[in-house]
């Protein structure tokens, strides 16, 4: 009941959309990709619920919630977050070989997180422990910012951000290909039941909760 209420508050009431089987299946694979990576990526937040019931602007949602409050974020955890966020697009690529607009919000969050890793938190070996986040200038008005680094550094920042995202995308593809059978089983269950809780997800996939996080970079081999 609490999860139903949370879903309604965060996303809005269910929308009575008439979706084709093909659309429902694609949405199920998208959400299934998020969920599977939430189970197999070390340190990922527990997957509490997956649904393909349209609510608000969302056609489906995967809920992940940490077991306790977090106040400090290791680099490996942030990379795990990015890998999980890319699970929807990666699943679509594997199953259909095409891309859709459904990953827009995921891509936005991934880009913002990778930018902060590089420009705010010193998580780039090539750039080191220097903050490159652009500062707002109150004398220029809202929307104007000052950049205190060169064009060459800006290009390196872009390359490092793209490198993080591409590495995590490759890892998402690798893991979903490895667990394709579990992904298919989860999708079939979603198409039948539309919403699955944590225990149902574990039973359908035969997987257990994500293994603990090692306090270093995730291997991307």
C-alpha atoms as a PDB file:
ATOM      1  CA  UNK A   1       0.000   0.000   0.000  1.00  0.00           C
ATOM      2  CA  UNK A   2       2.844   2.381   0.831  1.00  0.00           C
ATOM      3  CA  UNK A   3       4.575   1.646  -2.483  1.00  0.00           C
ATOM      4  CA  UNK A   4       1.306   2.200  -4.366  1.00  0.00           C
ATOM      5  CA  UNK A   5       0.878   5.551  -2.603  1.00  0.00           C
ATOM      6  CA  UNK A   6       4.495   6.550  -3.276  1.00  0.00           C
ATOM      7  CA  UNK A   7       4.113   5.702  -6.941  1.00  0.00           C
ATOM      8  CA  UNK A   8       0.999   7.852  -7.201  1.00  0.00           C
ATOM      9  CA  UNK A   9       2.557  10.814  -5.354  1.00  0.00           C
ATOM     10  CA  UNK A  10       5.842  10.796  -7.280  1.00  0.00           C
ATOM     11  CA  UNK A  11       4.549  10.025 -10.760  1.00  0.00           C
ATOM     12  CA  UNK A  12       0.853  10.808 -10.633  1.00  0.00           C
ATOM     13  CA  UNK A  13      -2.201   8.588 -11.142  1.00  0.00           C
ATOM     14  CA  UNK A  14      -2.153   5.763 -13.654  1.00  0.00           C
ATOM     15  CA  UNK A  15      -2.884   6.854 -17.221  1.00  0.00           C
ATOM     16  CA  UNK A  16      -5.356   4.711 -19.174  1.00  0.00           C
ATOM     17  CA  UNK A  17      -3.177   4.526 -22.281  1.00  0.00           C
ATOM     18  CA  UNK A  18      -3.959   1.915 -24.901  1.00  0.00           C
ATOM     19  CA  UNK A  19      -0.523   0.571 -25.788  1.00  0.00           C
ATOM     20  CA  UNK A  20       0.211  -2.044 -28.416  1.00  0.00           C
ATOM     21  CA  UNK A  21       1.846  -5.312 -27.406  1.00  0.00           C
ATOM     22  CA  UNK A  22       5.038  -4.169 -29.115  1.00  0.00           C
ATOM     23  CA  UNK A  23       5.160  -0.956 -27.064  1.00  0.00           C
ATOM     24  CA  UNK A  24       4.448  -2.802 -23.804  1.00  0.00           C
ATOM     25  CA  UNK A  25       7.174  -5.313 -24.577  1.00  0.00           C
ATOM     26  CA  UNK A  26       9.729  -2.588 -25.346  1.00  0.00           C
ATOM     27  CA  UNK A  27       8.838  -0.762 -22.112  1.00  0.00           C
ATOM     28  CA  UNK A  28       9.183  -4.046 -20.207  1.00  0.00           C
ATOM     29  CA  UNK A  29      12.650  -4.651 -21.666  1.00  0.00           C
ATOM     30  CA  UNK A  30      13.642  -1.072 -20.834  1.00  0.00           C
ATOM     31  CA  UNK A  31      12.582  -1.375 -17.202  1.00  0.00           C
ATOM     32  CA  UNK A  32      13.853  -4.942 -17.043  1.00  0.00           C
ATOM     33  CA  UNK A  33      17.296  -3.726 -18.080  1.00  0.00           C
ATOM     34  CA  UNK A  34      17.365  -1.313 -15.142  1.00  0.00           C
ATOM     35  CA  UNK A  35      16.179  -4.001 -12.747  1.00  0.00           C
ATOM     36  CA  UNK A  36      18.616  -6.741 -13.828  1.00  0.00           C
ATOM     37  CA  UNK A  37      21.578  -4.390 -13.470  1.00  0.00           C
ATOM     38  CA  UNK A  38      20.247  -3.372 -10.068  1.00  0.00           C
ATOM     39  CA  UNK A  39      20.607  -7.024  -9.069  1.00  0.00           C
ATOM     40  CA  UNK A  40      24.002  -7.858 -10.572  1.00  0.00           C
ATOM     41  CA  UNK A  41      26.090  -4.661 -10.332  1.00  0.00           C
ATOM     42  CA  UNK A  42      28.106  -4.655  -7.072  1.00  0.00           C
ATOM     43  CA  UNK A  43      26.877  -2.052  -4.622  1.00  0.00           C
ATOM     44  CA  UNK A  44      23.689  -1.176  -6.527  1.00  0.00           C
ATOM     45  CA  UNK A  45      20.747   0.041  -4.449  1.00  0.00           C
ATOM     46  CA  UNK A  46      18.131  -2.704  -3.858  1.00  0.00           C
ATOM     47  CA  UNK A  47      15.414  -3.025  -6.493  1.00  0.00           C
ATOM     48  CA  UNK A  48      12.086  -2.662  -4.670  1.00  0.00           C
ATOM     49  CA  UNK A  49       9.575  -2.601  -7.497  1.00  0.00           C
ATOM     50  CA  UNK A  50       9.244  -2.659 -11.283  1.00  0.00           C
ATOM     51  CA  UNK A  51       6.122  -1.579 -13.150  1.00  0.00           C
ATOM     52  CA  UNK A  52       5.075  -0.973 -16.745  1.00  0.00           C
ATOM     53  CA  UNK A  53       1.891   0.845 -15.742  1.00  0.00           C
ATOM     54  CA  UNK A  54       2.033   4.352 -17.305  1.00  0.00           C
ATOM     55  CA  UNK A  55       1.924   7.164 -14.743  1.00  0.00           C
ATOM     56  CA  UNK A  56       2.435  10.874 -15.362  1.00  0.00           C
ATOM     57  CA  UNK A  57       5.037  11.233 -18.100  1.00  0.00           C
ATOM     58  CA  UNK A  58       6.562   7.809 -17.374  1.00  0.00           C
ATOM     59  CA  UNK A  59       5.592   4.681 -19.275  1.00  0.00           C
ATOM     60  CA  UNK A  60       7.269   2.470 -16.685  1.00  0.00           C
ATOM     61  CA  UNK A  61       9.416   2.760 -13.563  1.00  0.00           C
ATOM     62  CA  UNK A  62      12.064   0.792 -11.695  1.00  0.00           C
ATOM     63  CA  UNK A  63      12.304   1.744  -8.025  1.00  0.00           C
ATOM     64  CA  UNK A  64      15.658   1.415  -6.270  1.00  0.00           C
ATOM     65  CA  UNK A  65      16.211   2.591  -2.728  1.00  0.00           C
ATOM     66  CA  UNK A  66      19.329   2.431  -0.503  1.00  0.00           C
ATOM     67  CA  UNK A  67      18.964   0.399   2.676  1.00  0.00           C
ATOM     68  CA  UNK A  68      20.289   3.305   4.756  1.00  0.00           C
ATOM     69  CA  UNK A  69      20.925   7.020   4.318  1.00  0.00           C
ATOM     70  CA  UNK A  70      24.043   7.894   2.331  1.00  0.00           C
ATOM     71  CA  UNK A  71      26.173  10.966   3.019  1.00  0.00           C
ATOM     72  CA  UNK A  72      29.336  10.088   1.106  1.00  0.00           C
ATOM     73  CA  UNK A  73      29.533   8.464  -2.324  1.00  0.00           C
ATOM     74  CA  UNK A  74      32.492   6.332  -3.453  1.00  0.00           C
ATOM     75  CA  UNK A  75      33.479   6.503  -7.110  1.00  0.00           C
ATOM     76  CA  UNK A  76      32.574   2.834  -7.594  1.00  0.00           C
ATOM     77  CA  UNK A  77      29.045   3.502  -6.307  1.00  0.00           C
ATOM     78  CA  UNK A  78      28.615   6.429  -8.715  1.00  0.00           C
ATOM     79  CA  UNK A  79      29.785   4.269 -11.612  1.00  0.00           C
ATOM     80  CA  UNK A  80      27.346   1.572 -10.496  1.00  0.00           C
ATOM     81  CA  UNK A  81      24.575   4.185 -10.599  1.00  0.00           C
ATOM     82  CA  UNK A  82      25.504   5.166 -14.155  1.00  0.00           C
ATOM     83  CA  UNK A  83      25.656   1.535 -15.292  1.00  0.00           C
ATOM     84  CA  UNK A  84      22.178   0.954 -13.868  1.00  0.00           C
ATOM     85  CA  UNK A  85      20.765   4.122 -15.437  1.00  0.00           C
ATOM     86  CA  UNK A  86      22.001   2.948 -18.844  1.00  0.00           C
ATOM     87  CA  UNK A  87      20.285  -0.417 -18.439  1.00  0.00           C
ATOM     88  CA  UNK A  88      17.098   0.631 -20.228  1.00  0.00           C
ATOM     89  CA  UNK A  89      18.782   1.898 -23.391  1.00  0.00           C
ATOM     90  CA  UNK A  90      21.251  -1.011 -23.345  1.00  0.00           C
ATOM     91  CA  UNK A  91      18.458  -3.590 -23.122  1.00  0.00           C
ATOM     92  CA  UNK A  92      16.670  -1.977 -26.074  1.00  0.00           C
ATOM     93  CA  UNK A  93      19.887  -2.062 -28.107  1.00  0.00           C
ATOM     94  CA  UNK A  94      20.477  -5.742 -27.351  1.00  0.00           C
ATOM     95  CA  UNK A  95      16.908  -6.900 -28.030  1.00  0.00           C
ATOM     96  CA  UNK A  96      15.834  -4.598 -30.872  1.00  0.00           C
ATOM     97  CA  UNK A  97      19.078  -3.200 -32.262  1.00  0.00           C
ATOM     98  CA  UNK A  98      17.516   0.276 -32.297  1.00  0.00           C
ATOM     99  CA  UNK A  99      17.189   3.325 -30.048  1.00  0.00           C
ATOM    100  CA  UNK A 100      14.065   5.178 -28.887  1.00  0.00           C
ATOM    101  CA  UNK A 101      13.296   8.397 -27.027  1.00  0.00           C
ATOM    102  CA  UNK A 102      12.478   6.434 -23.876  1.00  0.00           C
ATOM    103  CA  UNK A 103      15.959   6.898 -22.416  1.00  0.00           C
ATOM    104  CA  UNK A 104      15.835  10.730 -22.405  1.00  0.00           C
ATOM    105  CA  UNK A 105      15.617  11.110 -18.627  1.00  0.00           C
ATOM    106  CA  UNK A 106      18.216   8.387 -18.051  1.00  0.00           C
ATOM    107  CA  UNK A 107      20.676  10.104 -20.396  1.00  0.00           C
ATOM    108  CA  UNK A 108      20.110  13.455 -18.688  1.00  0.00           C
ATOM    109  CA  UNK A 109      20.850  12.001 -15.247  1.00  0.00           C
ATOM    110  CA  UNK A 110      23.882  10.065 -16.494  1.00  0.00           C
ATOM    111  CA  UNK A 111      25.367  13.171 -18.120  1.00  0.00           C
ATOM    112  CA  UNK A 112      24.882  15.294 -14.998  1.00  0.00           C
ATOM    113  CA  UNK A 113      26.400  12.652 -12.720  1.00  0.00           C
ATOM    114  CA  UNK A 114      29.442  12.078 -14.961  1.00  0.00           C
ATOM    115  CA  UNK A 115      29.960  15.855 -15.238  1.00  0.00           C
ATOM    116  CA  UNK A 116      30.021  16.206 -11.469  1.00  0.00           C
ATOM    117  CA  UNK A 117      32.440  13.293 -11.104  1.00  0.00           C
ATOM    118  CA  UNK A 118      34.899  15.031 -13.434  1.00  0.00           C
ATOM    119  CA  UNK A 119      34.399  18.721 -12.658  1.00  0.00           C
ATOM    120  CA  UNK A 120      33.487  18.754  -8.946  1.00  0.00           C
ATOM    121  CA  UNK A 121      34.747  15.622  -7.246  1.00  0.00           C
ATOM    122  CA  UNK A 122      38.190  15.075  -8.798  1.00  0.00           C
ATOM    123  CA  UNK A 123      37.386  11.582 -10.113  1.00  0.00           C
ATOM    124  CA  UNK A 124      39.407  11.907 -13.325  1.00  0.00           C
ATOM    125  CA  UNK A 125      43.000  10.654 -13.256  1.00  0.00           C
ATOM    126  CA  UNK A 126      43.925  12.879 -16.197  1.00  0.00           C
ATOM    127  CA  UNK A 127      42.540  16.073 -14.659  1.00  0.00           C
ATOM    128  CA  UNK A 128      43.367  15.377 -11.028  1.00  0.00           C
ATOM    129  CA  UNK A 129      41.958  16.990  -7.923  1.00  0.00           C
ATOM    130  CA  UNK A 130      40.971  20.307  -9.457  1.00  0.00           C
ATOM    131  CA  UNK A 131      37.444  21.667  -9.508  1.00  0.00           C
ATOM    132  CA  UNK A 132      36.321  22.798 -12.939  1.00  0.00           C
ATOM    133  CA  UNK A 133      32.653  23.483 -12.260  1.00  0.00           C
ATOM    134  CA  UNK A 134      31.744  26.826 -13.760  1.00  0.00           C
ATOM    135  CA  UNK A 135      30.862  29.499 -11.185  1.00  0.00           C
ATOM    136  CA  UNK A 136      27.917  31.843 -11.484  1.00  0.00           C
ATOM    137  CA  UNK A 137      28.710  35.556 -11.743  1.00  0.00           C
ATOM    138  CA  UNK A 138      26.086  37.627  -9.872  1.00  0.00           C
ATOM    139  CA  UNK A 139      27.071  40.763 -11.784  1.00  0.00           C
ATOM    140  CA  UNK A 140      26.224  39.189 -15.148  1.00  0.00           C
ATOM    141  CA  UNK A 141      22.786  38.013 -14.098  1.00  0.00           C
ATOM    142  CA  UNK A 142      21.110  34.630 -13.989  1.00  0.00           C
ATOM    143  CA  UNK A 143      22.159  32.174 -16.676  1.00  0.00           C
ATOM    144  CA  UNK A 144      25.658  33.597 -17.093  1.00  0.00           C
ATOM    145  CA  UNK A 145      28.706  31.780 -15.748  1.00  0.00           C
ATOM    146  CA  UNK A 146      32.455  32.184 -15.743  1.00  0.00           C
ATOM    147  CA  UNK A 147      34.895  29.549 -16.925  1.00  0.00           C
ATOM    148  CA  UNK A 148      38.377  29.636 -15.442  1.00  0.00           C
ATOM    149  CA  UNK A 149      40.049  27.071 -17.682  1.00  0.00           C
ATOM    150  CA  UNK A 150      41.320  26.837 -21.242  1.00  0.00           C
ATOM    151  CA  UNK A 151      39.687  25.404 -24.342  1.00  0.00           C
ATOM    152  CA  UNK A 152      42.181  22.534 -24.237  1.00  0.00           C
ATOM    153  CA  UNK A 153      41.092  21.688 -20.690  1.00  0.00           C
ATOM    154  CA  UNK A 154      37.444  21.966 -21.732  1.00  0.00           C
ATOM    155  CA  UNK A 155      38.041  19.394 -24.484  1.00  0.00           C
ATOM    156  CA  UNK A 156      39.728  17.072 -21.979  1.00  0.00           C
ATOM    157  CA  UNK A 157      36.801  17.465 -19.580  1.00  0.00           C
ATOM    158  CA  UNK A 158      34.382  16.525 -22.376  1.00  0.00           C
ATOM    159  CA  UNK A 159      36.525  13.506 -23.269  1.00  0.00           C
ATOM    160  CA  UNK A 160      36.676  12.315 -19.646  1.00  0.00           C
ATOM    161  CA  UNK A 161      32.912  12.665 -19.187  1.00  0.00           C
ATOM    162  CA  UNK A 162      32.289  10.745 -22.403  1.00  0.00           C
ATOM    163  CA  UNK A 163      34.844   8.120 -21.351  1.00  0.00           C
ATOM    164  CA  UNK A 164      33.026   7.416 -18.076  1.00  0.00           C
ATOM    165  CA  UNK A 165      29.669   7.133 -19.835  1.00  0.00           C
ATOM    166  CA  UNK A 166      31.021   4.917 -22.624  1.00  0.00           C
ATOM    167  CA  UNK A 167      32.814   2.594 -20.170  1.00  0.00           C
ATOM    168  CA  UNK A 168      29.640   2.215 -18.109  1.00  0.00           C
ATOM    169  CA  UNK A 169      27.571   1.663 -21.265  1.00  0.00           C
ATOM    170  CA  UNK A 170      29.922  -1.128 -22.338  1.00  0.00           C
ATOM    171  CA  UNK A 171      29.610  -2.735 -18.908  1.00  0.00           C
ATOM    172  CA  UNK A 172      25.811  -2.483 -19.003  1.00  0.00           C
ATOM    173  CA  UNK A 173      25.754  -4.222 -22.397  1.00  0.00           C
ATOM    174  CA  UNK A 174      28.140  -6.942 -21.216  1.00  0.00           C
ATOM    175  CA  UNK A 175      26.130  -7.742 -18.090  1.00  0.00           C
ATOM    176  CA  UNK A 176      22.758  -7.755 -19.856  1.00  0.00           C
ATOM    177  CA  UNK A 177      24.065 -10.066 -22.577  1.00  0.00           C
ATOM    178  CA  UNK A 178      25.388 -12.364 -19.856  1.00  0.00           C
ATOM    179  CA  UNK A 179      22.006 -12.343 -18.066  1.00  0.00           C
ATOM    180  CA  UNK A 180      19.763 -12.342 -21.142  1.00  0.00           C
ATOM    181  CA  UNK A 181      17.782 -15.356 -19.916  1.00  0.00           C
ATOM    182  CA  UNK A 182      16.968 -13.607 -16.621  1.00  0.00           C
ATOM    183  CA  UNK A 183      16.010 -10.453 -18.531  1.00  0.00           C
ATOM    184  CA  UNK A 184      13.616 -12.378 -20.770  1.00  0.00           C
ATOM    185  CA  UNK A 185      12.031 -14.103 -17.758  1.00  0.00           C
ATOM    186  CA  UNK A 186      11.478 -10.759 -16.028  1.00  0.00           C
ATOM    187  CA  UNK A 187       9.938  -9.236 -19.147  1.00  0.00           C
ATOM    188  CA  UNK A 188       7.509 -12.142 -19.543  1.00  0.00           C
ATOM    189  CA  UNK A 189       6.412 -11.720 -15.929  1.00  0.00           C
ATOM    190  CA  UNK A 190       5.965  -7.960 -16.369  1.00  0.00           C
ATOM    191  CA  UNK A 191       3.850  -8.424 -19.473  1.00  0.00           C
ATOM    192  CA  UNK A 192       1.622 -10.773 -17.507  1.00  0.00           C
ATOM    193  CA  UNK A 193       1.426  -8.974 -14.144  1.00  0.00           C
ATOM    194  CA  UNK A 194       2.508  -5.390 -15.019  1.00  0.00           C
ATOM    195  CA  UNK A 195       3.947  -4.736 -11.537  1.00  0.00           C
ATOM    196  CA  UNK A 196       6.377  -6.867  -9.522  1.00  0.00           C
ATOM    197  CA  UNK A 197       7.640  -6.348  -5.977  1.00  0.00           C
ATOM    198  CA  UNK A 198      11.136  -7.128  -4.733  1.00  0.00           C
ATOM    199  CA  UNK A 199      10.458 -10.747  -3.770  1.00  0.00           C
ATOM    200  CA  UNK A 200       8.663 -11.475  -7.043  1.00  0.00           C
ATOM    201  CA  UNK A 201      11.568 -10.008  -9.033  1.00  0.00           C
ATOM    202  CA  UNK A 202      14.040 -12.267  -7.220  1.00  0.00           C
ATOM    203  CA  UNK A 203      11.842 -15.343  -7.696  1.00  0.00           C
ATOM    204  CA  UNK A 204      11.240 -14.702 -11.413  1.00  0.00           C
ATOM    205  CA  UNK A 205      14.886 -14.047 -12.244  1.00  0.00           C
ATOM    206  CA  UNK A 206      16.470 -16.539  -9.860  1.00  0.00           C
ATOM    207  CA  UNK A 207      18.955 -13.819  -8.905  1.00  0.00           C
ATOM    208  CA  UNK A 208      19.816 -12.518  -5.465  1.00  0.00           C
ATOM    209  CA  UNK A 209      20.336  -8.946  -4.293  1.00  0.00           C
ATOM    210  CA  UNK A 210      23.372  -7.076  -5.609  1.00  0.00           C
ATOM    211  CA  UNK A 211      26.727  -8.160  -4.105  1.00  0.00           C
ATOM    212  CA  UNK A 212      28.509  -5.727  -1.767  1.00  0.00           C
ATOM    213  CA  UNK A 213      30.588  -2.914  -3.186  1.00  0.00           C
ATOM    214  CA  UNK A 214      34.349  -3.129  -3.361  1.00  0.00           C
ATOM    215  CA  UNK A 215      35.891   0.191  -2.470  1.00  0.00           C
ATOM    216  CA  UNK A 216      37.651   0.749  -5.780  1.00  0.00           C
ATOM    217  CA  UNK A 217      36.701   1.193  -9.431  1.00  0.00           C
ATOM    218  CA  UNK A 218      34.420  -1.424 -10.914  1.00  0.00           C
ATOM    219  CA  UNK A 219      36.259  -3.745 -13.308  1.00  0.00           C
ATOM    220  CA  UNK A 220      35.245  -2.966 -16.886  1.00  0.00           C
ATOM    221  CA  UNK A 221      36.733  -6.002 -18.594  1.00  0.00           C
END
